Amino acid sequence: MSTTLDGQPFSGMPKTTATAIQKSFKAVRTTKLEYLQLVLLERTRAATDDPSGDKDDAAKRKVHT
């Protein structure tokens, strides 16, 4: 979500943040509303591939309460 209404999905955010997001996600759709724009991001295939083979499987994590 952004308050910039220029249609650019990553404008208005710090460059380092935008760069980090763009490494793992692509903008699929941008919807302009009256005072903000919503950006739907989709994880890129490369971001889900773990070259080290150590996949972080959330289902196998222990939960501490």
PDB file of N, CA and C in Angstrom:
ATOM      1  N   MET A   1       0.845  -1.149   0.000  1.00  0.00           N
ATOM      2  CA  MET A   1       0.000   0.000   0.000  1.00  0.00           C
ATOM      3  C   MET A   1       0.902   1.226   0.000  1.00  0.00           C
ATOM      4  N   SER A   2       0.536   2.231  -0.741  1.00  0.00           N
ATOM      5  CA  SER A   2       1.339   3.435  -0.862  1.00  0.00           C
ATOM      6  C   SER A   2       0.436   4.651  -1.009  1.00  0.00           C
ATOM      7  N   THR A   3       0.900   5.774  -0.531  1.00  0.00           N
ATOM      8  CA  THR A   3       0.138   7.015  -0.702  1.00  0.00           C
ATOM      9  C   THR A   3       0.589   7.777  -1.936  1.00  0.00           C
ATOM     10  N   THR A   4       1.609   7.283  -2.638  1.00  0.00           N
ATOM     11  CA  THR A   4       1.992   7.893  -3.908  1.00  0.00           C
ATOM     12  C   THR A   4       1.054   7.364  -4.983  1.00  0.00           C
ATOM     13  N   LEU A   5       0.584   8.244  -5.826  1.00  0.00           N
ATOM     14  CA  LEU A   5      -0.431   7.866  -6.810  1.00  0.00           C
ATOM     15  C   LEU A   5       0.083   7.937  -8.237  1.00  0.00           C
ATOM     16  N   ASP A   6       1.386   7.723  -8.435  1.00  0.00           N
ATOM     17  CA  ASP A   6       1.958   7.857  -9.766  1.00  0.00           C
ATOM     18  C   ASP A   6       1.911   6.567 -10.587  1.00  0.00           C
ATOM     19  N   GLY A   7       1.359   5.495 -10.018  1.00  0.00           N
ATOM     20  CA  GLY A   7       1.261   4.236 -10.740  1.00  0.00           C
ATOM     21  C   GLY A   7       2.508   3.380 -10.677  1.00  0.00           C
ATOM     22  N   GLN A   8       3.569   3.892 -10.090  1.00  0.00           N
ATOM     23  CA  GLN A   8       4.800   3.131  -9.931  1.00  0.00           C
ATOM     24  C   GLN A   8       4.730   2.379  -8.602  1.00  0.00           C
ATOM     25  N   PRO A   9       4.839   1.058  -8.616  1.00  0.00           N
ATOM     26  CA  PRO A   9       4.600   0.282  -7.403  1.00  0.00           C
ATOM     27  C   PRO A   9       5.611   0.505  -6.277  1.00  0.00           C
ATOM     28  N   PHE A  10       6.822   0.948  -6.587  1.00  0.00           N
ATOM     29  CA  PHE A  10       7.841   1.072  -5.552  1.00  0.00           C
ATOM     30  C   PHE A  10       8.254   2.519  -5.277  1.00  0.00           C
ATOM     31  N   SER A  11       7.583   3.480  -5.868  1.00  0.00           N
ATOM     32  CA  SER A  11       7.946   4.873  -5.620  1.00  0.00           C
ATOM     33  C   SER A  11       7.503   5.295  -4.229  1.00  0.00           C
ATOM     34  N   GLY A  12       8.248   6.191  -3.651  1.00  0.00           N
ATOM     35  CA  GLY A  12       7.906   6.682  -2.327  1.00  0.00           C
ATOM     36  C   GLY A  12       8.529   5.884  -1.203  1.00  0.00           C
ATOM     37  N   MET A  13       9.182   4.765  -1.513  1.00  0.00           N
ATOM     38  CA  MET A  13       9.823   3.987  -0.451  1.00  0.00           C
ATOM     39  C   MET A  13      11.336   4.123  -0.605  1.00  0.00           C
ATOM     40  N   PRO A  14      12.065   3.903   0.474  1.00  0.00           N
ATOM     41  CA  PRO A  14      13.519   3.991   0.384  1.00  0.00           C
ATOM     42  C   PRO A  14      14.056   3.035  -0.691  1.00  0.00           C
ATOM     43  N   LYS A  15      15.083   3.484  -1.404  1.00  0.00           N
ATOM     44  CA  LYS A  15      15.635   2.708  -2.507  1.00  0.00           C
ATOM     45  C   LYS A  15      16.111   1.317  -2.049  1.00  0.00           C
ATOM     46  N   THR A  16      16.717   1.245  -0.864  1.00  0.00           N
ATOM     47  CA  THR A  16      17.196  -0.059  -0.382  1.00  0.00           C
ATOM     48  C   THR A  16      16.034  -1.013  -0.130  1.00  0.00           C
ATOM     49  N   THR A  17      14.923  -0.498   0.354  1.00  0.00           N
ATOM     50  CA  THR A  17      13.737  -1.318   0.581  1.00  0.00           C
ATOM     51  C   THR A  17      13.171  -1.808  -0.749  1.00  0.00           C
ATOM     52  N   ALA A  18      13.032  -0.895  -1.707  1.00  0.00           N
ATOM     53  CA  ALA A  18      12.499  -1.257  -3.022  1.00  0.00           C
ATOM     54  C   ALA A  18      13.381  -2.304  -3.687  1.00  0.00           C
ATOM     55  N   THR A  19      14.688  -2.150  -3.590  1.00  0.00           N
ATOM     56  CA  THR A  19      15.614  -3.110  -4.191  1.00  0.00           C
ATOM     57  C   THR A  19      15.461  -4.486  -3.553  1.00  0.00           C
ATOM     58  N   ALA A  20      15.353  -4.527  -2.228  1.00  0.00           N
ATOM     59  CA  ALA A  20      15.193  -5.801  -1.522  1.00  0.00           C
ATOM     60  C   ALA A  20      13.890  -6.492  -1.915  1.00  0.00           C
ATOM     61  N   ILE A  21      12.823  -5.738  -2.032  1.00  0.00           N
ATOM     62  CA  ILE A  21      11.524  -6.312  -2.411  1.00  0.00           C
ATOM     63  C   ILE A  21      11.571  -6.832  -3.843  1.00  0.00           C
ATOM     64  N   GLN A  22      12.195  -6.062  -4.731  1.00  0.00           N
ATOM     65  CA  GLN A  22      12.231  -6.443  -6.140  1.00  0.00           C
ATOM     66  C   GLN A  22      13.071  -7.697  -6.383  1.00  0.00           C
ATOM     67  N   LYS A  23      13.949  -8.048  -5.463  1.00  0.00           N
ATOM     68  CA  LYS A  23      14.736  -9.266  -5.613  1.00  0.00           C
ATOM     69  C   LYS A  23      13.875 -10.515  -5.450  1.00  0.00           C
ATOM     70  N   SER A  24      12.810 -10.413  -4.681  1.00  0.00           N
ATOM     71  CA  SER A  24      11.991 -11.583  -4.381  1.00  0.00           C
ATOM     72  C   SER A  24      10.562 -11.503  -4.884  1.00  0.00           C
ATOM     73  N   PHE A  25      10.121 -10.332  -5.314  1.00  0.00           N
ATOM     74  CA  PHE A  25       8.733 -10.162  -5.726  1.00  0.00           C
ATOM     75  C   PHE A  25       8.632  -9.365  -7.009  1.00  0.00           C
ATOM     76  N   LYS A  26       7.530  -9.570  -7.717  1.00  0.00           N
ATOM     77  CA  LYS A  26       7.221  -8.724  -8.871  1.00  0.00           C
ATOM     78  C   LYS A  26       5.827  -8.152  -8.669  1.00  0.00           C
ATOM     79  N   ALA A  27       5.622  -6.953  -9.172  1.00  0.00           N
ATOM     80  CA  ALA A  27       4.318  -6.314  -9.077  1.00  0.00           C
ATOM     81  C   ALA A  27       3.408  -6.925 -10.133  1.00  0.00           C
ATOM     82  N   VAL A  28       2.285  -7.459  -9.689  1.00  0.00           N
ATOM     83  CA  VAL A  28       1.338  -8.104 -10.590  1.00  0.00           C
ATOM     84  C   VAL A  28       0.236  -7.135 -10.994  1.00  0.00           C
ATOM     85  N   ARG A  29      -0.212  -6.338 -10.026  1.00  0.00           N
ATOM     86  CA  ARG A  29      -1.315  -5.416 -10.305  1.00  0.00           C
ATOM     87  C   ARG A  29      -1.230  -4.221  -9.374  1.00  0.00           C
ATOM     88  N   THR A  30      -1.527  -3.057  -9.899  1.00  0.00           N
ATOM     89  CA  THR A  30      -1.588  -1.836  -9.103  1.00  0.00           C
ATOM     90  C   THR A  30      -2.981  -1.249  -9.263  1.00  0.00           C
ATOM     91  N   THR A  31      -3.637  -0.983  -8.159  1.00  0.00           N
ATOM     92  CA  THR A  31      -4.979  -0.407  -8.177  1.00  0.00           C
ATOM     93  C   THR A  31      -4.947   0.933  -7.463  1.00  0.00           C
ATOM     94  N   LYS A  32      -5.356   1.974  -8.166  1.00  0.00           N
ATOM     95  CA  LYS A  32      -5.404   3.305  -7.572  1.00  0.00           C
ATOM     96  C   LYS A  32      -6.767   3.519  -6.922  1.00  0.00           C
ATOM     97  N   LEU A  33      -6.748   3.959  -5.682  1.00  0.00           N
ATOM     98  CA  LEU A  33      -7.957   4.352  -4.981  1.00  0.00           C
ATOM     99  C   LEU A  33      -7.909   5.860  -4.802  1.00  0.00           C
ATOM    100  N   GLU A  34      -8.813   6.412  -4.026  1.00  0.00           N
ATOM    101  CA  GLU A  34      -8.886   7.874  -3.927  1.00  0.00           C
ATOM    102  C   GLU A  34      -7.622   8.490  -3.336  1.00  0.00           C
ATOM    103  N   TYR A  35      -7.104   7.943  -2.244  1.00  0.00           N
ATOM    104  CA  TYR A  35      -5.961   8.547  -1.579  1.00  0.00           C
ATOM    105  C   TYR A  35      -4.743   7.625  -1.482  1.00  0.00           C
ATOM    106  N   LEU A  36      -4.822   6.454  -2.075  1.00  0.00           N
ATOM    107  CA  LEU A  36      -3.694   5.523  -2.011  1.00  0.00           C
ATOM    108  C   LEU A  36      -3.765   4.550  -3.169  1.00  0.00           C
ATOM    109  N   GLN A  37      -2.673   3.817  -3.336  1.00  0.00           N
ATOM    110  CA  GLN A  37      -2.670   2.756  -4.335  1.00  0.00           C
ATOM    111  C   GLN A  37      -2.287   1.445  -3.664  1.00  0.00           C
ATOM    112  N   LEU A  38      -2.918   0.385  -4.112  1.00  0.00           N
ATOM    113  CA  LEU A  38      -2.633  -0.956  -3.610  1.00  0.00           C
ATOM    114  C   LEU A  38      -1.821  -1.688  -4.666  1.00  0.00           C
ATOM    115  N   VAL A  39      -0.794  -2.388  -4.235  1.00  0.00           N
ATOM    116  CA  VAL A  39       0.054  -3.129  -5.154  1.00  0.00           C
ATOM    117  C   VAL A  39       0.022  -4.601  -4.754  1.00  0.00           C
ATOM    118  N   LEU A  40      -0.370  -5.442  -5.690  1.00  0.00           N
ATOM    119  CA  LEU A  40      -0.354  -6.872  -5.460  1.00  0.00           C
ATOM    120  C   LEU A  40       1.003  -7.395  -5.911  1.00  0.00           C
ATOM    121  N   LEU A  41       1.749  -7.993  -4.982  1.00  0.00           N
ATOM    122  CA  LEU A  41       3.065  -8.536  -5.279  1.00  0.00           C
ATOM    123  C   LEU A  41       2.992 -10.052  -5.320  1.00  0.00           C
ATOM    124  N   GLU A  42       3.760 -10.643  -6.218  1.00  0.00           N
ATOM    125  CA  GLU A  42       3.823 -12.091  -6.332  1.00  0.00           C
ATOM    126  C   GLU A  42       5.276 -12.508  -6.170  1.00  0.00           C
ATOM    127  N   ARG A  43       5.496 -13.511  -5.332  1.00  0.00           N
ATOM    128  CA  ARG A  43       6.857 -14.007  -5.134  1.00  0.00           C
ATOM    129  C   ARG A  43       7.355 -14.602  -6.447  1.00  0.00           C
ATOM    130  N   THR A  44       8.565 -14.233  -6.826  1.00  0.00           N
ATOM    131  CA  THR A  44       9.129 -14.764  -8.062  1.00  0.00           C
ATOM    132  C   THR A  44       9.619 -16.181  -7.834  1.00  0.00           C
ATOM    133  N   ARG A  45       9.701 -16.943  -8.867  1.00  0.00           N
ATOM    134  CA  ARG A  45      10.140 -18.331  -8.774  1.00  0.00           C
ATOM    135  C   ARG A  45      11.546 -18.403  -8.192  1.00  0.00           C
ATOM    136  N   ALA A  46      12.419 -17.507  -8.589  1.00  0.00           N
ATOM    137  CA  ALA A  46      13.797 -17.508  -8.101  1.00  0.00           C
ATOM    138  C   ALA A  46      13.847 -17.318  -6.592  1.00  0.00           C
ATOM    139  N   ALA A  47      12.910 -16.586  -6.051  1.00  0.00           N
ATOM    140  CA  ALA A  47      12.909 -16.330  -4.609  1.00  0.00           C
ATOM    141  C   ALA A  47      12.530 -17.573  -3.824  1.00  0.00           C
ATOM    142  N   THR A  48      11.808 -18.487  -4.425  1.00  0.00           N
ATOM    143  CA  THR A  48      11.393 -19.688  -3.706  1.00  0.00           C
ATOM    144  C   THR A  48      12.412 -20.809  -3.838  1.00  0.00           C
ATOM    145  N   ASP A  49      13.340 -20.681  -4.776  1.00  0.00           N
ATOM    146  CA  ASP A  49      14.386 -21.690  -4.937  1.00  0.00           C
ATOM    147  C   ASP A  49      15.488 -21.429  -3.931  1.00  0.00           C
ATOM    148  N   ASP A  50      15.876 -22.453  -3.207  1.00  0.00           N
ATOM    149  CA  ASP A  50      16.941 -22.333  -2.216  1.00  0.00           C
ATOM    150  C   ASP A  50      18.143 -23.127  -2.714  1.00  0.00           C
ATOM    151  N   PRO A  51      19.145 -22.450  -3.271  1.00  0.00           N
ATOM    152  CA  PRO A  51      20.271 -23.170  -3.855  1.00  0.00           C
ATOM    153  C   PRO A  51      21.077 -23.967  -2.830  1.00  0.00           C
ATOM    154  N   SER A  52      20.981 -23.619  -1.563  1.00  0.00           N
ATOM    155  CA  SER A  52      21.753 -24.328  -0.544  1.00  0.00           C
ATOM    156  C   SER A  52      21.122 -25.676  -0.195  1.00  0.00           C
ATOM    157  N   GLY A  53      19.872 -25.872  -0.564  1.00  0.00           N
ATOM    158  CA  GLY A  53      19.189 -27.111  -0.233  1.00  0.00           C
ATOM    159  C   GLY A  53      18.565 -27.085   1.152  1.00  0.00           C
ATOM    160  N   ASP A  54      18.826 -26.036   1.933  1.00  0.00           N
ATOM    161  CA  ASP A  54      18.257 -25.905   3.278  1.00  0.00           C
ATOM    162  C   ASP A  54      16.950 -25.128   3.190  1.00  0.00           C
ATOM    163  N   LYS A  55      15.908 -25.813   2.813  1.00  0.00           N
ATOM    164  CA  LYS A  55      14.620 -25.132   2.699  1.00  0.00           C
ATOM    165  C   LYS A  55      14.057 -24.859   4.085  1.00  0.00           C
ATOM    166  N   ASP A  56      13.528 -23.677   4.255  1.00  0.00           N
ATOM    167  CA  ASP A  56      12.923 -23.288   5.523  1.00  0.00           C
ATOM    168  C   ASP A  56      11.474 -23.743   5.480  1.00  0.00           C
ATOM    169  N   ASP A  57      11.200 -24.896   6.024  1.00  0.00           N
ATOM    170  CA  ASP A  57       9.864 -25.468   5.997  1.00  0.00           C
ATOM    171  C   ASP A  57       9.118 -25.047   7.257  1.00  0.00           C
ATOM    172  N   ALA A  58       8.182 -24.129   7.110  1.00  0.00           N
ATOM    173  CA  ALA A  58       7.447 -23.596   8.253  1.00  0.00           C
ATOM    174  C   ALA A  58       6.687 -24.694   8.993  1.00  0.00           C
ATOM    175  N   ALA A  59       6.269 -25.731   8.290  1.00  0.00           N
ATOM    176  CA  ALA A  59       5.514 -26.812   8.926  1.00  0.00           C
ATOM    177  C   ALA A  59       6.372 -27.619   9.898  1.00  0.00           C
ATOM    178  N   LYS A  60       7.684 -27.554   9.733  1.00  0.00           N
ATOM    179  CA  LYS A  60       8.578 -28.331  10.594  1.00  0.00           C
ATOM    180  C   LYS A  60       9.146 -27.519  11.760  1.00  0.00           C
ATOM    181  N   ARG A  61       8.819 -26.237  11.821  1.00  0.00           N
ATOM    182  CA  ARG A  61       9.337 -25.400  12.901  1.00  0.00           C
ATOM    183  C   ARG A  61       8.658 -25.719  14.219  1.00  0.00           C
ATOM    184  N   LYS A  62       9.416 -25.645  15.288  1.00  0.00           N
ATOM    185  CA  LYS A  62       8.844 -25.828  16.621  1.00  0.00           C
ATOM    186  C   LYS A  62       8.273 -24.492  17.082  1.00  0.00           C
ATOM    187  N   VAL A  63       7.143 -24.552  17.735  1.00  0.00           N
ATOM    188  CA  VAL A  63       6.486 -23.343  18.227  1.00  0.00           C
ATOM    189  C   VAL A  63       6.716 -23.264  19.724  1.00  0.00           C
ATOM    190  N   HIS A  64       7.215 -22.131  20.163  1.00  0.00           N
ATOM    191  CA  HIS A  64       7.465 -21.918  21.591  1.00  0.00           C
ATOM    192  C   HIS A  64       6.422 -20.952  22.122  1.00  0.00           C
ATOM    193  N   THR A  65       5.763 -21.353  23.183  1.00  0.00           N
ATOM    194  CA  THR A  65       4.753 -20.459  23.776  1.00  0.00           C
ATOM    195  C   THR A  65       5.119 -20.089  25.177  1.00  0.00           C
TER     196      THR A  65
END
